[in-house]
Amino acid sequence: MEEVTLKTYVKGIYCIQCPEIIISGLLQTRGVIDADVAYFQSLVTVTYDPEIITEEKIFRLLDEMEYTPIPRRPTISEQLAYRIGYLFRGKDRTGEE
């Protein structure tokens, strides 16, 4: 079983019970292995099995619970890792060899 960790910021965390609601809802979902919420940062961390559930379904579930995921731009380190990946695979930025 492969485990993947997803971190996303969400809108709608206003009270101390919100993290409990999010965690409970996520853990009742097939494929979710672990969930945590950083209350003051509104950061949700989900460990899941990608063979059972997708990142898209997790985002939809959060949205259905009225904790809308906030899209974000890739960090500088993520952008750098993406560019380095092309170098090691021998591809240019267009994906062609």
N, C-alpha and C. Protein backbone atom coordinates (compact mmCIF):
# COMPACT_ATOMS: atom_id res chain seq x y z
N MET A 1 0.85 -1.19 0.00
CA MET A 1 0.00 0.00 0.00
C MET A 1 0.89 1.24 0.00
N GLU A 2 0.66 2.10 -0.97
CA GLU A 2 1.39 3.36 -1.07
C GLU A 2 0.62 4.43 -0.30
N GLU A 3 1.36 5.27 0.39
CA GLU A 3 0.75 6.38 1.12
C GLU A 3 1.21 7.69 0.52
N VAL A 4 0.27 8.61 0.36
CA VAL A 4 0.56 9.94 -0.15
C VAL A 4 0.05 10.95 0.86
N THR A 5 0.79 12.03 1.05
CA THR A 5 0.36 13.07 1.98
C THR A 5 0.00 14.32 1.20
N LEU A 6 -1.17 14.84 1.49
CA LEU A 6 -1.70 16.05 0.87
C LEU A 6 -1.81 17.12 1.94
N LYS A 7 -1.32 18.31 1.64
CA LYS A 7 -1.48 19.45 2.54
C LYS A 7 -2.18 20.55 1.77
N THR A 8 -3.22 21.10 2.37
CA THR A 8 -3.96 22.19 1.73
C THR A 8 -4.51 23.13 2.80
N TYR A 9 -4.55 24.40 2.47
CA TYR A 9 -5.19 25.37 3.34
C TYR A 9 -6.67 25.38 3.00
N VAL A 10 -7.51 25.66 3.99
CA VAL A 10 -8.95 25.70 3.76
C VAL A 10 -9.55 26.96 4.35
N LYS A 11 -10.69 27.36 3.78
CA LYS A 11 -11.48 28.47 4.31
C LYS A 11 -12.56 27.90 5.21
N GLY A 12 -12.95 28.64 6.21
CA GLY A 12 -14.11 28.24 7.00
C GLY A 12 -13.82 27.73 8.40
N ILE A 13 -12.57 27.71 8.83
CA ILE A 13 -12.26 27.27 10.20
C ILE A 13 -12.41 28.48 11.11
N TYR A 14 -13.50 28.48 11.88
CA TYR A 14 -13.81 29.62 12.73
C TYR A 14 -13.87 29.28 14.22
N CYS A 15 -14.07 28.01 14.53
CA CYS A 15 -14.22 27.66 15.94
C CYS A 15 -13.34 26.46 16.28
N ILE A 16 -13.24 26.17 17.54
CA ILE A 16 -12.37 25.10 18.02
C ILE A 16 -12.88 23.71 17.63
N GLN A 17 -14.18 23.58 17.30
CA GLN A 17 -14.72 22.28 16.88
C GLN A 17 -14.46 21.99 15.41
N CYS A 18 -14.14 23.00 14.62
CA CYS A 18 -13.93 22.81 13.18
C CYS A 18 -12.88 21.73 12.87
N PRO A 19 -11.70 21.76 13.51
CA PRO A 19 -10.74 20.70 13.22
C PRO A 19 -11.28 19.30 13.51
N GLU A 20 -12.04 19.17 14.59
CA GLU A 20 -12.62 17.86 14.93
C GLU A 20 -13.60 17.40 13.86
N ILE A 21 -14.39 18.33 13.33
CA ILE A 21 -15.36 18.01 12.28
C ILE A 21 -14.64 17.55 11.02
N ILE A 22 -13.59 18.28 10.64
CA ILE A 22 -12.82 17.94 9.43
C ILE A 22 -12.16 16.58 9.58
N ILE A 23 -11.47 16.39 10.70
CA ILE A 23 -10.76 15.12 10.93
C ILE A 23 -11.73 13.95 10.94
N SER A 24 -12.84 14.10 11.64
CA SER A 24 -13.83 13.04 11.72
C SER A 24 -14.39 12.70 10.34
N GLY A 25 -14.73 13.71 9.57
CA GLY A 25 -15.27 13.49 8.23
C GLY A 25 -14.28 12.80 7.31
N LEU A 26 -13.02 13.20 7.39
CA LEU A 26 -12.00 12.60 6.54
C LEU A 26 -11.72 11.16 6.94
N LEU A 27 -11.61 10.91 8.24
CA LEU A 27 -11.27 9.56 8.70
C LEU A 27 -12.38 8.54 8.45
N GLN A 28 -13.60 9.02 8.23
CA GLN A 28 -14.70 8.12 7.91
C GLN A 28 -14.75 7.79 6.42
N THR A 29 -13.81 8.35 5.66
CA THR A 29 -13.77 8.15 4.22
C THR A 29 -12.82 7.02 3.87
N ARG A 30 -13.29 6.09 3.06
CA ARG A 30 -12.47 4.96 2.64
C ARG A 30 -11.25 5.46 1.88
N GLY A 31 -10.07 5.00 2.27
CA GLY A 31 -8.83 5.38 1.61
C GLY A 31 -8.03 6.41 2.39
N VAL A 32 -8.69 7.12 3.32
CA VAL A 32 -7.98 8.10 4.14
C VAL A 32 -7.36 7.36 5.33
N ILE A 33 -6.06 7.49 5.47
CA ILE A 33 -5.32 6.79 6.51
C ILE A 33 -5.19 7.64 7.76
N ASP A 34 -4.90 8.93 7.59
CA ASP A 34 -4.72 9.82 8.73
C ASP A 34 -5.09 11.24 8.30
N ALA A 35 -5.50 12.05 9.26
CA ALA A 35 -5.85 13.44 8.98
C ALA A 35 -5.49 14.29 10.19
N ASP A 36 -5.07 15.51 9.92
CA ASP A 36 -4.72 16.45 10.98
C ASP A 36 -5.05 17.85 10.51
N VAL A 37 -5.36 18.73 11.45
CA VAL A 37 -5.67 20.12 11.12
C VAL A 37 -4.88 21.03 12.05
N ALA A 38 -4.15 21.97 11.45
CA ALA A 38 -3.46 23.01 12.22
C ALA A 38 -4.44 24.20 12.30
N TYR A 39 -5.07 24.35 13.45
CA TYR A 39 -6.17 25.31 13.62
C TYR A 39 -5.79 26.74 13.23
N PHE A 40 -4.70 27.26 13.77
CA PHE A 40 -4.34 28.66 13.55
C PHE A 40 -3.85 28.92 12.13
N GLN A 41 -3.40 27.90 11.44
CA GLN A 41 -2.93 28.06 10.06
C GLN A 41 -4.00 27.68 9.04
N SER A 42 -5.08 27.06 9.49
CA SER A 42 -6.13 26.52 8.60
C SER A 42 -5.53 25.54 7.59
N LEU A 43 -4.58 24.75 8.07
CA LEU A 43 -3.87 23.79 7.22
C LEU A 43 -4.35 22.38 7.52
N VAL A 44 -4.82 21.70 6.48
CA VAL A 44 -5.30 20.33 6.61
C VAL A 44 -4.25 19.40 5.98
N THR A 45 -3.85 18.38 6.73
CA THR A 45 -2.90 17.39 6.24
C THR A 45 -3.61 16.05 6.21
N VAL A 46 -3.61 15.42 5.03
CA VAL A 46 -4.30 14.15 4.85
C VAL A 46 -3.32 13.12 4.28
N THR A 47 -3.22 11.97 4.93
CA THR A 47 -2.45 10.85 4.40
C THR A 47 -3.47 9.86 3.85
N TYR A 48 -3.28 9.47 2.59
CA TYR A 48 -4.28 8.61 1.95
C TYR A 48 -3.63 7.60 1.01
N ASP A 49 -4.43 6.61 0.62
CA ASP A 49 -4.01 5.59 -0.32
C ASP A 49 -4.53 5.99 -1.71
N PRO A 50 -3.63 6.37 -2.64
CA PRO A 50 -4.08 6.85 -3.95
C PRO A 50 -4.74 5.77 -4.81
N GLU A 51 -4.63 4.52 -4.43
CA GLU A 51 -5.31 3.47 -5.18
C GLU A 51 -6.79 3.41 -4.82
N ILE A 52 -7.16 4.03 -3.71
CA ILE A 52 -8.55 3.99 -3.24
C ILE A 52 -9.25 5.34 -3.42
N ILE A 53 -8.55 6.43 -3.12
CA ILE A 53 -9.14 7.77 -3.19
C ILE A 53 -8.16 8.72 -3.87
N THR A 54 -8.71 9.70 -4.58
CA THR A 54 -7.86 10.67 -5.28
C THR A 54 -7.82 11.99 -4.52
N GLU A 55 -6.83 12.78 -4.86
CA GLU A 55 -6.70 14.12 -4.29
C GLU A 55 -7.93 14.95 -4.62
N GLU A 56 -8.43 14.81 -5.82
CA GLU A 56 -9.63 15.53 -6.25
C GLU A 56 -10.84 15.19 -5.37
N LYS A 57 -11.01 13.92 -5.03
CA LYS A 57 -12.13 13.51 -4.18
C LYS A 57 -11.98 14.08 -2.77
N ILE A 58 -10.74 14.17 -2.29
CA ILE A 58 -10.51 14.75 -0.96
C ILE A 58 -10.88 16.23 -0.97
N PHE A 59 -10.48 16.95 -2.04
CA PHE A 59 -10.86 18.35 -2.16
C PHE A 59 -12.37 18.51 -2.21
N ARG A 60 -13.05 17.64 -2.97
CA ARG A 60 -14.51 17.69 -3.05
C ARG A 60 -15.15 17.44 -1.69
N LEU A 61 -14.60 16.46 -0.96
CA LEU A 61 -15.13 16.15 0.37
C LEU A 61 -14.99 17.34 1.31
N LEU A 62 -13.83 17.98 1.30
CA LEU A 62 -13.63 19.17 2.14
C LEU A 62 -14.62 20.26 1.75
N ASP A 63 -14.82 20.45 0.45
CA ASP A 63 -15.76 21.46 -0.03
C ASP A 63 -17.19 21.13 0.40
N GLU A 64 -17.56 19.86 0.36
CA GLU A 64 -18.90 19.44 0.80
C GLU A 64 -19.10 19.68 2.29
N MET A 65 -18.02 19.59 3.07
CA MET A 65 -18.10 19.87 4.51
C MET A 65 -18.07 21.37 4.79
N GLU A 66 -18.03 22.17 3.69
CA GLU A 66 -18.00 23.64 3.75
C GLU A 66 -16.68 24.18 4.29
N TYR A 67 -15.58 23.46 4.01
CA TYR A 67 -14.23 23.92 4.29
C TYR A 67 -13.50 23.93 2.95
N THR A 68 -13.71 25.00 2.20
CA THR A 68 -13.23 25.09 0.83
C THR A 68 -11.71 25.15 0.76
N PRO A 69 -11.09 24.22 0.02
CA PRO A 69 -9.64 24.28 -0.17
C PRO A 69 -9.24 25.56 -0.90
N ILE A 70 -8.13 26.13 -0.47
CA ILE A 70 -7.63 27.35 -1.08
C ILE A 70 -6.52 26.99 -2.06
N PRO A 71 -6.72 27.31 -3.35
CA PRO A 71 -5.65 27.03 -4.30
C PRO A 71 -4.44 27.91 -3.99
N ARG A 72 -3.28 27.38 -4.23
CA ARG A 72 -2.07 28.14 -3.97
C ARG A 72 -1.09 27.94 -5.11
N ARG A 73 -0.16 28.86 -5.21
CA ARG A 73 0.89 28.73 -6.20
C ARG A 73 1.97 27.82 -5.66
N PRO A 74 2.69 27.11 -6.54
CA PRO A 74 3.79 26.25 -6.08
C PRO A 74 4.87 27.09 -5.39
N THR A 75 5.45 26.54 -4.34
CA THR A 75 6.54 27.23 -3.64
C THR A 75 7.78 27.25 -4.53
N ILE A 76 8.74 28.04 -4.16
CA ILE A 76 9.98 28.11 -4.93
C ILE A 76 10.67 26.75 -4.97
N SER A 77 10.67 26.04 -3.84
CA SER A 77 11.31 24.72 -3.81
C SER A 77 10.56 23.73 -4.70
N GLU A 78 9.23 23.83 -4.76
CA GLU A 78 8.46 22.95 -5.64
C GLU A 78 8.75 23.26 -7.11
N GLN A 79 8.87 24.54 -7.44
CA GLN A 79 9.19 24.92 -8.80
C GLN A 79 10.58 24.43 -9.19
N LEU A 80 11.53 24.56 -8.28
CA LEU A 80 12.90 24.11 -8.53
C LEU A 80 12.94 22.59 -8.72
N ALA A 81 12.23 21.86 -7.87
CA ALA A 81 12.20 20.39 -7.98
C ALA A 81 11.59 19.98 -9.33
N TYR A 82 10.59 20.70 -9.78
CA TYR A 82 9.96 20.41 -11.07
C TYR A 82 10.96 20.60 -12.21
N ARG A 83 11.70 21.70 -12.15
CA ARG A 83 12.70 21.98 -13.20
C ARG A 83 13.85 20.99 -13.16
N ILE A 84 14.31 20.64 -11.99
CA ILE A 84 15.40 19.67 -11.87
C ILE A 84 14.95 18.31 -12.39
N GLY A 85 13.71 17.96 -12.16
CA GLY A 85 13.17 16.69 -12.65
C GLY A 85 13.32 16.57 -14.15
N TYR A 86 13.09 17.65 -14.87
CA TYR A 86 13.28 17.62 -16.32
C TYR A 86 14.72 17.36 -16.69
N LEU A 87 15.63 17.96 -15.95
CA LEU A 87 17.06 17.76 -16.25
C LEU A 87 17.45 16.30 -16.12
N PHE A 88 16.98 15.65 -15.07
CA PHE A 88 17.34 14.27 -14.83
C PHE A 88 16.64 13.29 -15.79
N ARG A 89 15.52 13.71 -16.33
CA ARG A 89 14.82 12.85 -17.29
C ARG A 89 15.27 13.14 -18.72
N GLY A 90 16.11 14.17 -18.91
CA GLY A 90 16.62 14.49 -20.23
C GLY A 90 15.60 15.18 -21.11
N LYS A 91 14.67 15.92 -20.51
CA LYS A 91 13.64 16.60 -21.29
C LYS A 91 13.79 18.10 -21.11
N ASP A 92 13.36 18.84 -22.13
CA ASP A 92 13.35 20.28 -21.99
C ASP A 92 12.03 20.71 -21.37
N ARG A 93 11.80 22.00 -21.27
CA ARG A 93 10.60 22.50 -20.60
C ARG A 93 9.30 22.11 -21.32
N THR A 94 9.37 21.84 -22.59
CA THR A 94 8.16 21.47 -23.32
C THR A 94 7.82 20.00 -23.13
N GLY A 95 8.74 19.24 -22.52
CA GLY A 95 8.50 17.82 -22.30
C GLY A 95 9.05 16.94 -23.41
N GLU A 96 9.67 17.56 -24.40
CA GLU A 96 10.23 16.79 -25.50
C GLU A 96 11.68 16.44 -25.23
N GLU A 97 12.09 15.28 -25.73
CA GLU A 97 13.45 14.84 -25.51
C GLU A 97 14.39 15.43 -26.53
